[in-house]
Amino acid sequence: MRSRREDGCRSNRHQSARLLARRHRTGSQARNGGAELLIGTWNVNGIRARLDRLLEWLDLRQPTVVCLQELKANEESFPWDEIQRAGYTAVAACQKAWNGVAVLARGTGTGTANLIEAGLPGMEEFGARVVTAEIQGGMKVMSVYVPNGKSVEHEDYARKLEWLGALRDYLAESFTSDEKVVIAGDFNIAPADIDSYDPMRLEGTIFHTESERAAYQGLIDLGYADLFRDLDPETPGYSWWDYRGGAFHKNLGLRIDLILASPPVSQVCERVWIDRDFRKGQKPSDHAPLIAELAG
C-alpha cells in the first residue's frame, strides 16, 4: 500500500494450531500448557474487523506477549478497553485505515509494557510500521510490518529495501547480543524457496527476490535466529494465504510472518506453532497467528 503519514497512537494505555516445530517437550497447544512464556505475532488485517477473533484467541492461547500488524485503526478506534478487559496492556502505533502495529503484554499493572519507541527513525513517511516495547523481565519486543513493495518494477520496491536497511541499522545500533530481544511481525519476504508454495514460478517476483532475501539475511547476520526455521528446517510453515482461489484450502501459501530473536531468547525456544485454526472460520484474516514457546 502507498505510504501515508503516521496518525497518532503512540501510547501505553492501562485504562482505557497447529504445532509445527519443537525442540524438546510435548504438551497441549490449547492455552500455554505450563510454558513459562508464549510469544505470538498476528497480522490481523483490521483490528476492529477481527476483534472477536482476537479476543477469542487471547483467551484460548493465553500468550504472554503478542505483536499485531495491520491494525488499520487510529487511536480513537483502537480497542484499548476491550484488550484491557481481556487482561492485556497495549502499546501501539496507529494509523487510520492503513498500517498500524501493537505489542500486547499479559497483565494490566504499571510496568507490564512500556513504550520504547514508535516508528523507525528516518522512515516516518512509510507510516506506522514499527513499535518497540519493554515488557516485565526486561525483554525488548518490536512489532514490525515491513512495506509490501507491490512489484519489482514499482518504485515502492526500492523503498522497501531502503526501509529494511534502516531496520537493520536501527537494530545494530540499539541492542546488544546479550539482551533479550524479539522482532516479530509481517516481513513480506519469503526467506527461502521452502517458504513459498511455488518457488520456481514465483522466482524473482515480489517477496522472492535476491535483494529481499539478502535484506532478511542481514538481520540474521546480526545474530538473530528465525525461530520457526531454526527449529524446523524442513516444514514449509506457511502463515499467509490469499483470500482468492481457495488458496488456504489448497495450502498455496507463503511463510512471511516471522519471529526473530536474540541468542538469550532463541536458546530457550522449545517449539513454534502456525495456529492454522484461526485462519479458518468466519471473517478470518488472511494471516494465521505464529506462536513461539520459551522455557523458563
C-alpha atoms as a PDB file:
ATOM      1  CA  MET A   1       0.000   0.000   0.000  1.00  0.00           C
ATOM      2  CA  ARG A   2       1.119   3.560  -0.528  1.00  0.00           C
ATOM      3  CA  SER A   3       2.975   5.202   2.294  1.00  0.00           C
ATOM      4  CA  ARG A   4       0.952   7.614   4.409  1.00  0.00           C
ATOM      5  CA  ARG A   5       1.899   9.679   7.394  1.00  0.00           C
ATOM      6  CA  GLU A   6       1.598   8.147  10.829  1.00  0.00           C
ATOM      7  CA  ASP A   7      -1.565   9.230  12.615  1.00  0.00           C
ATOM      8  CA  GLY A   8      -1.483   9.377  16.405  1.00  0.00           C
ATOM      9  CA  CYS A   9      -1.497   6.402  18.766  1.00  0.00           C
ATOM     10  CA  ARG A  10       1.969   6.199  20.241  1.00  0.00           C
ATOM     11  CA  SER A  11       0.527   5.044  23.526  1.00  0.00           C
ATOM     12  CA  ASN A  12       0.805   2.807  26.560  1.00  0.00           C
ATOM     13  CA  ARG A  13      -2.781   2.669  27.848  1.00  0.00           C
ATOM     14  CA  HIS A  14      -3.654   0.988  31.158  1.00  0.00           C
ATOM     15  CA  GLN A  15      -7.202   2.393  31.402  1.00  0.00           C
ATOM     16  CA  SER A  16      -8.670   2.644  28.527  1.00  0.00           C
ATOM     17  CA  ALA A  17      -2.673 -24.616  15.600  1.00  0.00           C
ATOM     18  CA  ARG A  18      -1.111 -26.229  14.849  1.00  0.00           C
ATOM     19  CA  LEU A  19       2.201 -27.476  16.278  1.00  0.00           C
ATOM     20  CA  LEU A  20       4.839 -27.437  13.549  1.00  0.00           C
ATOM     21  CA  ALA A  21       8.233 -27.220  15.216  1.00  0.00           C
ATOM     22  CA  ARG A  22       9.540 -28.342  18.564  1.00  0.00           C
ATOM     23  CA  ARG A  23      12.813 -28.746  20.395  1.00  0.00           C
ATOM     24  CA  HIS A  24      12.283 -30.981  23.421  1.00  0.00           C
ATOM     25  CA  ARG A  25       8.918 -31.153  25.104  1.00  0.00           C
ATOM     26  CA  THR A  26       5.352 -32.019  24.293  1.00  0.00           C
ATOM     27  CA  GLY A  27       2.070 -30.726  25.610  1.00  0.00           C
ATOM     28  CA  SER A  28      -1.246 -29.175  24.704  1.00  0.00           C
ATOM     29  CA  GLN A  29      -1.228 -26.195  22.389  1.00  0.00           C
ATOM     30  CA  ALA A  30      -4.516 -25.045  23.881  1.00  0.00           C
ATOM     31  CA  ARG A  31      -3.626 -22.454  26.499  1.00  0.00           C
ATOM     32  CA  ASN A  32       0.018 -22.341  27.389  1.00  0.00           C
ATOM     33  CA  GLY A  33       0.493 -25.900  28.659  1.00  0.00           C
ATOM     34  CA  GLY A  34       2.634 -24.700  31.551  1.00  0.00           C
ATOM     35  CA  ALA A  35       5.018 -22.783  29.340  1.00  0.00           C
ATOM     36  CA  GLU A  36       6.979 -20.037  31.010  1.00  0.00           C
ATOM     37  CA  LEU A  37       6.395 -17.592  28.167  1.00  0.00           C
ATOM     38  CA  LEU A  38       4.491 -17.595  24.866  1.00  0.00           C
ATOM     39  CA  ILE A  39       5.302 -15.039  22.175  1.00  0.00           C
ATOM     40  CA  GLY A  40       2.766 -14.547  19.391  1.00  0.00           C
ATOM     41  CA  THR A  41       2.544 -12.482  16.240  1.00  0.00           C
ATOM     42  CA  TRP A  42      -0.508 -11.944  14.048  1.00  0.00           C
ATOM     43  CA  ASN A  43      -1.292  -9.707  11.116  1.00  0.00           C
ATOM     44  CA  VAL A  44      -4.967  -9.209  11.919  1.00  0.00           C
ATOM     45  CA  ASN A  45      -5.760  -7.238   8.737  1.00  0.00           C
ATOM     46  CA  GLY A  46      -8.010  -4.780  10.573  1.00  0.00           C
ATOM     47  CA  ILE A  47      -8.275  -4.993  14.349  1.00  0.00           C
ATOM     48  CA  ARG A  48     -11.889  -3.805  14.523  1.00  0.00           C
ATOM     49  CA  ALA A  49     -12.988  -6.333  11.909  1.00  0.00           C
ATOM     50  CA  ARG A  50     -11.075  -9.110  13.662  1.00  0.00           C
ATOM     51  CA  LEU A  51     -11.641  -8.087  17.289  1.00  0.00           C
ATOM     52  CA  ASP A  52     -13.892 -11.007  18.236  1.00  0.00           C
ATOM     53  CA  ARG A  53     -11.398 -13.476  16.757  1.00  0.00           C
ATOM     54  CA  LEU A  54      -8.503 -11.736  18.519  1.00  0.00           C
ATOM     55  CA  LEU A  55     -10.229 -11.826  21.905  1.00  0.00           C
ATOM     56  CA  GLU A  56     -11.151 -15.475  21.390  1.00  0.00           C
ATOM     57  CA  TRP A  57      -7.539 -16.270  20.516  1.00  0.00           C
ATOM     58  CA  LEU A  58      -6.151 -14.400  23.525  1.00  0.00           C
ATOM     59  CA  ASP A  59      -8.495 -16.292  25.829  1.00  0.00           C
ATOM     60  CA  LEU A  60      -7.745 -19.678  24.275  1.00  0.00           C
ATOM     61  CA  ARG A  61      -3.979 -19.460  23.829  1.00  0.00           C
ATOM     62  CA  GLN A  62      -3.101 -17.109  26.718  1.00  0.00           C
ATOM     63  CA  PRO A  63       0.065 -15.717  25.092  1.00  0.00           C
ATOM     64  CA  THR A  64       2.410 -13.734  27.300  1.00  0.00           C
ATOM     65  CA  VAL A  65       3.174 -11.133  24.653  1.00  0.00           C
ATOM     66  CA  VAL A  66       1.701 -10.549  21.192  1.00  0.00           C
ATOM     67  CA  CYS A  67       2.781  -8.450  18.235  1.00  0.00           C
ATOM     68  CA  LEU A  68      -0.063  -7.287  15.968  1.00  0.00           C
ATOM     69  CA  GLN A  69       0.139  -5.768  12.493  1.00  0.00           C
ATOM     70  CA  GLU A  70      -2.209  -4.017  10.058  1.00  0.00           C
ATOM     71  CA  LEU A  71      -4.369  -2.545  12.783  1.00  0.00           C
ATOM     72  CA  LYS A  72      -5.975  -0.107  10.315  1.00  0.00           C
ATOM     73  CA  ALA A  73      -7.194   1.989  13.238  1.00  0.00           C
ATOM     74  CA  ASN A  74      -6.437   5.378  14.717  1.00  0.00           C
ATOM     75  CA  GLU A  75      -6.052   5.933  18.450  1.00  0.00           C
ATOM     76  CA  GLU A  76      -9.755   6.642  18.970  1.00  0.00           C
ATOM     77  CA  SER A  77     -10.897   3.421  17.287  1.00  0.00           C
ATOM     78  CA  PHE A  78      -8.212   1.146  18.745  1.00  0.00           C
ATOM     79  CA  PRO A  79      -9.903  -1.245  21.249  1.00  0.00           C
ATOM     80  CA  TRP A  80      -7.943  -0.247  24.356  1.00  0.00           C
ATOM     81  CA  ASP A  81     -10.725  -1.111  26.788  1.00  0.00           C
ATOM     82  CA  GLU A  82     -11.572  -4.475  25.252  1.00  0.00           C
ATOM     83  CA  ILE A  83      -7.923  -5.510  25.332  1.00  0.00           C
ATOM     84  CA  GLN A  84      -7.589  -4.424  28.948  1.00  0.00           C
ATOM     85  CA  ARG A  85     -10.685  -6.412  29.907  1.00  0.00           C
ATOM     86  CA  ALA A  86      -9.050  -9.414  28.250  1.00  0.00           C
ATOM     87  CA  GLY A  87      -6.163  -8.968  30.685  1.00  0.00           C
ATOM     88  CA  TYR A  88      -3.612  -7.234  28.471  1.00  0.00           C
ATOM     89  CA  THR A  89      -1.774  -3.923  28.270  1.00  0.00           C
ATOM     90  CA  ALA A  90      -1.340  -2.477  24.772  1.00  0.00           C
ATOM     91  CA  VAL A  91       1.415  -0.306  23.335  1.00  0.00           C
ATOM     92  CA  ALA A  92       0.580   0.792  19.800  1.00  0.00           C
ATOM     93  CA  ALA A  93       1.462   2.975  16.839  1.00  0.00           C
ATOM     94  CA  CYS A  94      -1.761   3.599  14.933  1.00  0.00           C
ATOM     95  CA  GLN A  95      -2.713   4.964  11.546  1.00  0.00           C
ATOM     96  CA  LYS A  96      -6.221   5.438  10.256  1.00  0.00           C
ATOM     97  CA  ALA A  97      -7.214   2.875   7.611  1.00  0.00           C
ATOM     98  CA  TRP A  98      -3.626   1.769   6.917  1.00  0.00           C
ATOM     99  CA  ASN A  99      -0.714   0.012   8.591  1.00  0.00           C
ATOM    100  CA  GLY A 100      -0.572   0.164  12.412  1.00  0.00           C
ATOM    101  CA  VAL A 101       1.289  -2.105  14.846  1.00  0.00           C
ATOM    102  CA  ALA A 102       0.948  -3.028  18.510  1.00  0.00           C
ATOM    103  CA  VAL A 103       2.544  -5.007  21.309  1.00  0.00           C
ATOM    104  CA  LEU A 104       0.199  -6.596  23.851  1.00  0.00           C
ATOM    105  CA  ALA A 105       1.558  -7.907  27.159  1.00  0.00           C
ATOM    106  CA  ARG A 106      -0.440 -10.026  29.580  1.00  0.00           C
ATOM    107  CA  GLY A 107      -1.214  -8.091  32.742  1.00  0.00           C
ATOM    108  CA  THR A 108      -2.587  -4.619  33.385  1.00  0.00           C
ATOM    109  CA  GLY A 109      -0.354  -3.272  36.129  1.00  0.00           C
ATOM    110  CA  THR A 110       2.208  -0.495  35.903  1.00  0.00           C
ATOM    111  CA  GLY A 111       5.326  -1.683  34.117  1.00  0.00           C
ATOM    112  CA  THR A 112       3.637  -4.530  32.228  1.00  0.00           C
ATOM    113  CA  ALA A 113       4.652  -2.964  28.910  1.00  0.00           C
ATOM    114  CA  ASN A 114       6.488   0.327  28.462  1.00  0.00           C
ATOM    115  CA  LEU A 115       6.890   2.135  25.171  1.00  0.00           C
ATOM    116  CA  ILE A 116      10.489   2.429  23.973  1.00  0.00           C
ATOM    117  CA  GLU A 117       9.854   3.930  20.547  1.00  0.00           C
ATOM    118  CA  ALA A 118       7.071   4.239  17.980  1.00  0.00           C
ATOM    119  CA  GLY A 119       8.281   4.246  14.409  1.00  0.00           C
ATOM    120  CA  LEU A 120      11.612   3.649  12.697  1.00  0.00           C
ATOM    121  CA  PRO A 121      13.877   6.717  12.858  1.00  0.00           C
ATOM    122  CA  GLY A 122      14.178   8.395   9.474  1.00  0.00           C
ATOM    123  CA  MET A 123      11.426   6.269   7.927  1.00  0.00           C
ATOM    124  CA  GLU A 124       8.396   8.190   9.179  1.00  0.00           C
ATOM    125  CA  GLU A 125       6.995   8.691   5.677  1.00  0.00           C
ATOM    126  CA  PHE A 126       6.312   4.945   5.472  1.00  0.00           C
ATOM    127  CA  GLY A 127       3.661   5.196   8.185  1.00  0.00           C
ATOM    128  CA  ALA A 128       3.071   3.314  11.425  1.00  0.00           C
ATOM    129  CA  ARG A 129       5.080   0.150  10.853  1.00  0.00           C
ATOM    130  CA  VAL A 130       7.184  -0.334  13.988  1.00  0.00           C
ATOM    131  CA  VAL A 131       6.563  -0.122  17.707  1.00  0.00           C
ATOM    132  CA  THR A 132       9.016  -1.280  20.371  1.00  0.00           C
ATOM    133  CA  ALA A 133       8.183  -2.004  23.999  1.00  0.00           C
ATOM    134  CA  GLU A 134       9.901  -3.393  27.055  1.00  0.00           C
ATOM    135  CA  ILE A 135       7.878  -5.961  28.953  1.00  0.00           C
ATOM    136  CA  GLN A 136       8.308  -7.130  32.518  1.00  0.00           C
ATOM    137  CA  GLY A 137      11.511  -9.101  32.849  1.00  0.00           C
ATOM    138  CA  GLY A 138      13.411  -6.749  30.570  1.00  0.00           C
ATOM    139  CA  MET A 139      12.642  -8.303  27.186  1.00  0.00           C
ATOM    140  CA  LYS A 140      12.550  -5.795  24.303  1.00  0.00           C
ATOM    141  CA  VAL A 141       9.763  -6.627  21.847  1.00  0.00           C
ATOM    142  CA  MET A 142       9.376  -4.999  18.440  1.00  0.00           C
ATOM    143  CA  SER A 143       6.269  -5.415  16.280  1.00  0.00           C
ATOM    144  CA  VAL A 144       7.134  -4.931  12.612  1.00  0.00           C
ATOM    145  CA  TYR A 145       5.082  -4.520   9.436  1.00  0.00           C
ATOM    146  CA  VAL A 146       7.517  -4.392   6.519  1.00  0.00           C
ATOM    147  CA  PRO A 147       6.382  -2.470   3.411  1.00  0.00           C
ATOM    148  CA  ASN A 148       4.900  -4.716   0.731  1.00  0.00           C
ATOM    149  CA  GLY A 149       6.830  -3.326  -2.229  1.00  0.00           C
ATOM    150  CA  LYS A 150       3.985  -4.038  -4.690  1.00  0.00           C
ATOM    151  CA  SER A 151       6.137  -5.381  -7.546  1.00  0.00           C
ATOM    152  CA  VAL A 152       9.789  -5.436  -8.541  1.00  0.00           C
ATOM    153  CA  GLU A 153       9.081  -2.798 -11.193  1.00  0.00           C
ATOM    154  CA  HIS A 154       7.289  -0.434  -8.819  1.00  0.00           C
ATOM    155  CA  GLU A 155       9.121   2.410  -7.094  1.00  0.00           C
ATOM    156  CA  ASP A 156       7.943   1.023  -3.752  1.00  0.00           C
ATOM    157  CA  TYR A 157      10.216  -1.998  -4.197  1.00  0.00           C
ATOM    158  CA  ALA A 158      13.391   0.085  -3.891  1.00  0.00           C
ATOM    159  CA  ARG A 159      11.839   1.946  -0.975  1.00  0.00           C
ATOM    160  CA  LYS A 160      11.073  -1.372   0.727  1.00  0.00           C
ATOM    161  CA  LEU A 161      14.750  -2.311   0.517  1.00  0.00           C
ATOM    162  CA  GLU A 162      15.671   1.108   1.893  1.00  0.00           C
ATOM    163  CA  TRP A 163      13.306   0.568   4.810  1.00  0.00           C
ATOM    164  CA  LEU A 164      14.762  -2.867   5.541  1.00  0.00           C
ATOM    165  CA  GLY A 165      18.249  -1.374   5.540  1.00  0.00           C
ATOM    166  CA  ALA A 166      17.118   1.224   8.055  1.00  0.00           C
ATOM    167  CA  LEU A 167      15.644  -1.522  10.234  1.00  0.00           C
ATOM    168  CA  ARG A 168      18.941  -3.395  10.209  1.00  0.00           C
ATOM    169  CA  ASP A 169      20.862  -0.251  11.134  1.00  0.00           C
ATOM    170  CA  TYR A 170      18.448   0.526  13.957  1.00  0.00           C
ATOM    171  CA  LEU A 171      18.774  -2.962  15.415  1.00  0.00           C
ATOM    172  CA  ALA A 172      22.560  -2.882  15.155  1.00  0.00           C
ATOM    173  CA  GLU A 173      22.721   0.450  16.966  1.00  0.00           C
ATOM    174  CA  SER A 174      20.022  -0.129  19.577  1.00  0.00           C
ATOM    175  CA  PHE A 175      20.567  -3.593  21.031  1.00  0.00           C
ATOM    176  CA  THR A 176      23.446  -5.816  22.107  1.00  0.00           C
ATOM    177  CA  SER A 177      23.750  -9.569  21.625  1.00  0.00           C
ATOM    178  CA  ASP A 178      23.298 -10.305  25.326  1.00  0.00           C
ATOM    179  CA  GLU A 179      19.913  -8.531  25.550  1.00  0.00           C
ATOM    180  CA  LYS A 180      16.600 -10.355  25.298  1.00  0.00           C
ATOM    181  CA  VAL A 181      15.211  -9.007  22.021  1.00  0.00           C
ATOM    182  CA  VAL A 182      12.324 -10.195  19.836  1.00  0.00           C
ATOM    183  CA  ILE A 183      11.425  -8.763  16.419  1.00  0.00           C
ATOM    184  CA  ALA A 184       8.131 -10.228  15.245  1.00  0.00           C
ATOM    185  CA  GLY A 185       5.662  -9.463  12.525  1.00  0.00           C
ATOM    186  CA  ASP A 186       4.809  -9.499   8.849  1.00  0.00           C
ATOM    187  CA  PHE A 187       8.099  -9.230   6.962  1.00  0.00           C
ATOM    188  CA  ASN A 188       6.608  -9.530   3.458  1.00  0.00           C
ATOM    189  CA  ILE A 189       9.559 -11.738   2.467  1.00  0.00           C
ATOM    190  CA  ALA A 190       9.646 -15.478   1.807  1.00  0.00           C
ATOM    191  CA  PRO A 191      13.170 -16.058   3.132  1.00  0.00           C
ATOM    192  CA  ALA A 192      13.902 -19.193   1.060  1.00  0.00           C
ATOM    193  CA  ASP A 193      12.312 -21.415  -1.572  1.00  0.00           C
ATOM    194  CA  ILE A 194      10.830 -23.683   1.107  1.00  0.00           C
ATOM    195  CA  ASP A 195       8.802 -20.717   2.351  1.00  0.00           C
ATOM    196  CA  SER A 196       6.799 -20.442  -0.890  1.00  0.00           C
ATOM    197  CA  TYR A 197       4.188 -22.757  -2.397  1.00  0.00           C
ATOM    198  CA  ASP A 198       5.633 -22.351  -5.932  1.00  0.00           C
ATOM    199  CA  PRO A 199       9.201 -21.027  -5.745  1.00  0.00           C
ATOM    200  CA  MET A 200      10.089 -21.828  -9.341  1.00  0.00           C
ATOM    201  CA  ARG A 201       7.176 -19.905 -10.847  1.00  0.00           C
ATOM    202  CA  LEU A 202       7.500 -17.051  -8.362  1.00  0.00           C
ATOM    203  CA  GLU A 203      11.287 -16.743  -8.523  1.00  0.00           C
ATOM    204  CA  GLY A 204      12.288 -13.096  -8.887  1.00  0.00           C
ATOM    205  CA  THR A 205       8.823 -11.744  -8.084  1.00  0.00           C
ATOM    206  CA  ILE A 206       7.942  -9.655  -5.054  1.00  0.00           C
ATOM    207  CA  PHE A 207       8.690 -11.426  -1.732  1.00  0.00           C
ATOM    208  CA  HIS A 208      11.030 -13.808  -3.624  1.00  0.00           C
ATOM    209  CA  THR A 209      13.854 -11.607  -4.904  1.00  0.00           C
ATOM    210  CA  GLU A 210      17.529 -11.978  -4.084  1.00  0.00           C
ATOM    211  CA  SER A 211      17.616  -8.432  -2.712  1.00  0.00           C
ATOM    212  CA  GLU A 212      14.736  -9.012  -0.294  1.00  0.00           C
ATOM    213  CA  ARG A 213      16.271 -12.256   0.878  1.00  0.00           C
ATOM    214  CA  ALA A 214      19.635 -10.547   1.319  1.00  0.00           C
ATOM    215  CA  ALA A 215      17.918  -7.926   3.490  1.00  0.00           C
ATOM    216  CA  TYR A 216      16.399 -10.699   5.604  1.00  0.00           C
ATOM    217  CA  GLN A 217      19.813 -12.349   5.866  1.00  0.00           C
ATOM    218  CA  GLY A 218      21.239  -9.039   7.026  1.00  0.00           C
ATOM    219  CA  LEU A 219      19.002  -9.276  10.096  1.00  0.00           C
ATOM    220  CA  ILE A 220      20.066 -12.859  10.732  1.00  0.00           C
ATOM    221  CA  ASP A 221      23.715 -11.828  10.405  1.00  0.00           C
ATOM    222  CA  LEU A 222      23.245  -9.502  13.370  1.00  0.00           C
ATOM    223  CA  GLY A 223      22.830 -12.631  15.471  1.00  0.00           C
ATOM    224  CA  TYR A 224      19.055 -13.086  15.396  1.00  0.00           C
ATOM    225  CA  ALA A 225      17.518 -16.516  14.868  1.00  0.00           C
ATOM    226  CA  ASP A 226      14.389 -17.133  12.808  1.00  0.00           C
ATOM    227  CA  LEU A 227      12.704 -19.222  15.490  1.00  0.00           C
ATOM    228  CA  PHE A 228      10.468 -21.315  13.263  1.00  0.00           C
ATOM    229  CA  ARG A 229      13.129 -22.142  10.718  1.00  0.00           C
ATOM    230  CA  ASP A 230      15.760 -22.636  13.418  1.00  0.00           C
ATOM    231  CA  LEU A 231      13.670 -25.430  14.942  1.00  0.00           C
ATOM    232  CA  ASP A 232      12.313 -26.915  11.727  1.00  0.00           C
ATOM    233  CA  PRO A 233      14.437 -26.637   8.574  1.00  0.00           C
ATOM    234  CA  GLU A 234      12.122 -28.849   6.501  1.00  0.00           C
ATOM    235  CA  THR A 235       8.465 -27.857   7.066  1.00  0.00           C
ATOM    236  CA  PRO A 236       7.199 -25.004   4.850  1.00  0.00           C
ATOM    237  CA  GLY A 237       5.206 -23.420   7.686  1.00  0.00           C
ATOM    238  CA  TYR A 238       3.056 -21.065   5.620  1.00  0.00           C
ATOM    239  CA  SER A 239       1.455 -18.216   7.561  1.00  0.00           C
ATOM    240  CA  TRP A 240      -0.344 -16.319   4.765  1.00  0.00           C
ATOM    241  CA  TRP A 241      -2.797 -17.477   2.121  1.00  0.00           C
ATOM    242  CA  ASP A 242      -4.585 -15.302  -0.424  1.00  0.00           C
ATOM    243  CA  TYR A 243      -8.332 -14.943   0.066  1.00  0.00           C
ATOM    244  CA  ARG A 244      -8.830 -15.736  -3.614  1.00  0.00           C
ATOM    245  CA  GLY A 245      -8.983 -19.040  -5.444  1.00  0.00           C
ATOM    246  CA  GLY A 246      -9.317 -21.270  -2.394  1.00  0.00           C
ATOM    247  CA  ALA A 247      -5.642 -20.739  -1.609  1.00  0.00           C
ATOM    248  CA  PHE A 248      -5.976 -21.680   2.052  1.00  0.00           C
ATOM    249  CA  HIS A 249      -7.772 -24.958   1.381  1.00  0.00           C
ATOM    250  CA  LYS A 250      -5.226 -25.802  -1.323  1.00  0.00           C
ATOM    251  CA  ASN A 251      -2.389 -24.734   1.003  1.00  0.00           C
ATOM    252  CA  LEU A 252      -0.999 -22.284  -1.554  1.00  0.00           C
ATOM    253  CA  GLY A 253       0.722 -20.083   0.981  1.00  0.00           C
ATOM    254  CA  LEU A 254       3.825 -18.173   1.955  1.00  0.00           C
ATOM    255  CA  ARG A 255       5.826 -18.037   5.186  1.00  0.00           C
ATOM    256  CA  ILE A 256       6.168 -14.284   5.607  1.00  0.00           C
ATOM    257  CA  ASP A 257       5.267 -13.886   9.299  1.00  0.00           C
ATOM    258  CA  LEU A 258       8.391 -14.367  11.399  1.00  0.00           C
ATOM    259  CA  ILE A 259       9.651 -14.238  14.963  1.00  0.00           C
ATOM    260  CA  LEU A 260      13.327 -13.291  15.123  1.00  0.00           C
ATOM    261  CA  ALA A 261      15.104 -13.478  18.463  1.00  0.00           C
ATOM    262  CA  SER A 262      18.471 -12.727  20.023  1.00  0.00           C
ATOM    263  CA  PRO A 263      20.539 -15.604  21.499  1.00  0.00           C
ATOM    264  CA  PRO A 264      19.218 -15.312  25.086  1.00  0.00           C
ATOM    265  CA  VAL A 265      15.711 -15.866  23.678  1.00  0.00           C
ATOM    266  CA  SER A 266      16.381 -18.313  20.847  1.00  0.00           C
ATOM    267  CA  GLN A 267      18.384 -20.612  23.109  1.00  0.00           C
ATOM    268  CA  VAL A 268      15.331 -21.286  25.280  1.00  0.00           C
ATOM    269  CA  CYS A 269      12.773 -21.595  22.467  1.00  0.00           C
ATOM    270  CA  GLU A 270      11.224 -25.058  22.591  1.00  0.00           C
ATOM    271  CA  ARG A 271       8.541 -25.054  19.928  1.00  0.00           C
ATOM    272  CA  VAL A 272       6.797 -22.866  17.374  1.00  0.00           C
ATOM    273  CA  TRP A 273       3.250 -23.120  16.036  1.00  0.00           C
ATOM    274  CA  ILE A 274       1.427 -21.869  12.982  1.00  0.00           C
ATOM    275  CA  ASP A 275      -2.043 -21.553  14.504  1.00  0.00           C
ATOM    276  CA  ARG A 276      -3.997 -22.507  11.381  1.00  0.00           C
ATOM    277  CA  ASP A 277      -7.307 -22.807  13.218  1.00  0.00           C
ATOM    278  CA  PHE A 278      -7.532 -19.014  13.330  1.00  0.00           C
ATOM    279  CA  ARG A 279      -7.184 -18.729   9.554  1.00  0.00           C
ATOM    280  CA  LYS A 280     -10.438 -20.697   9.348  1.00  0.00           C
ATOM    281  CA  GLY A 281     -14.000 -19.715  10.184  1.00  0.00           C
ATOM    282  CA  GLN A 282     -15.966 -16.545   9.570  1.00  0.00           C
ATOM    283  CA  LYS A 283     -14.181 -13.338   8.513  1.00  0.00           C
ATOM    284  CA  PRO A 284     -10.628 -14.552   9.121  1.00  0.00           C
ATOM    285  CA  SER A 285      -7.503 -12.547   8.497  1.00  0.00           C
ATOM    286  CA  ASP A 286      -5.519 -13.778   5.519  1.00  0.00           C
ATOM    287  CA  HIS A 287      -2.698 -14.497   8.010  1.00  0.00           C
ATOM    288  CA  ALA A 288      -2.560 -17.132  10.750  1.00  0.00           C
ATOM    289  CA  PRO A 289      -1.009 -16.393  14.139  1.00  0.00           C
ATOM    290  CA  LEU A 290       2.506 -17.649  14.835  1.00  0.00           C
ATOM    291  CA  ILE A 291       3.405 -18.644  18.407  1.00  0.00           C
ATOM    292  CA  ALA A 292       6.777 -19.435  19.968  1.00  0.00           C
ATOM    293  CA  GLU A 293       7.049 -21.192  23.314  1.00  0.00           C
ATOM    294  CA  LEU A 294      10.005 -20.418  25.571  1.00  0.00           C
ATOM    295  CA  ALA A 295      11.218 -22.415  28.557  1.00  0.00           C
ATOM    296  CA  GLY A 296      11.803 -20.814  31.911  1.00  0.00           C
END
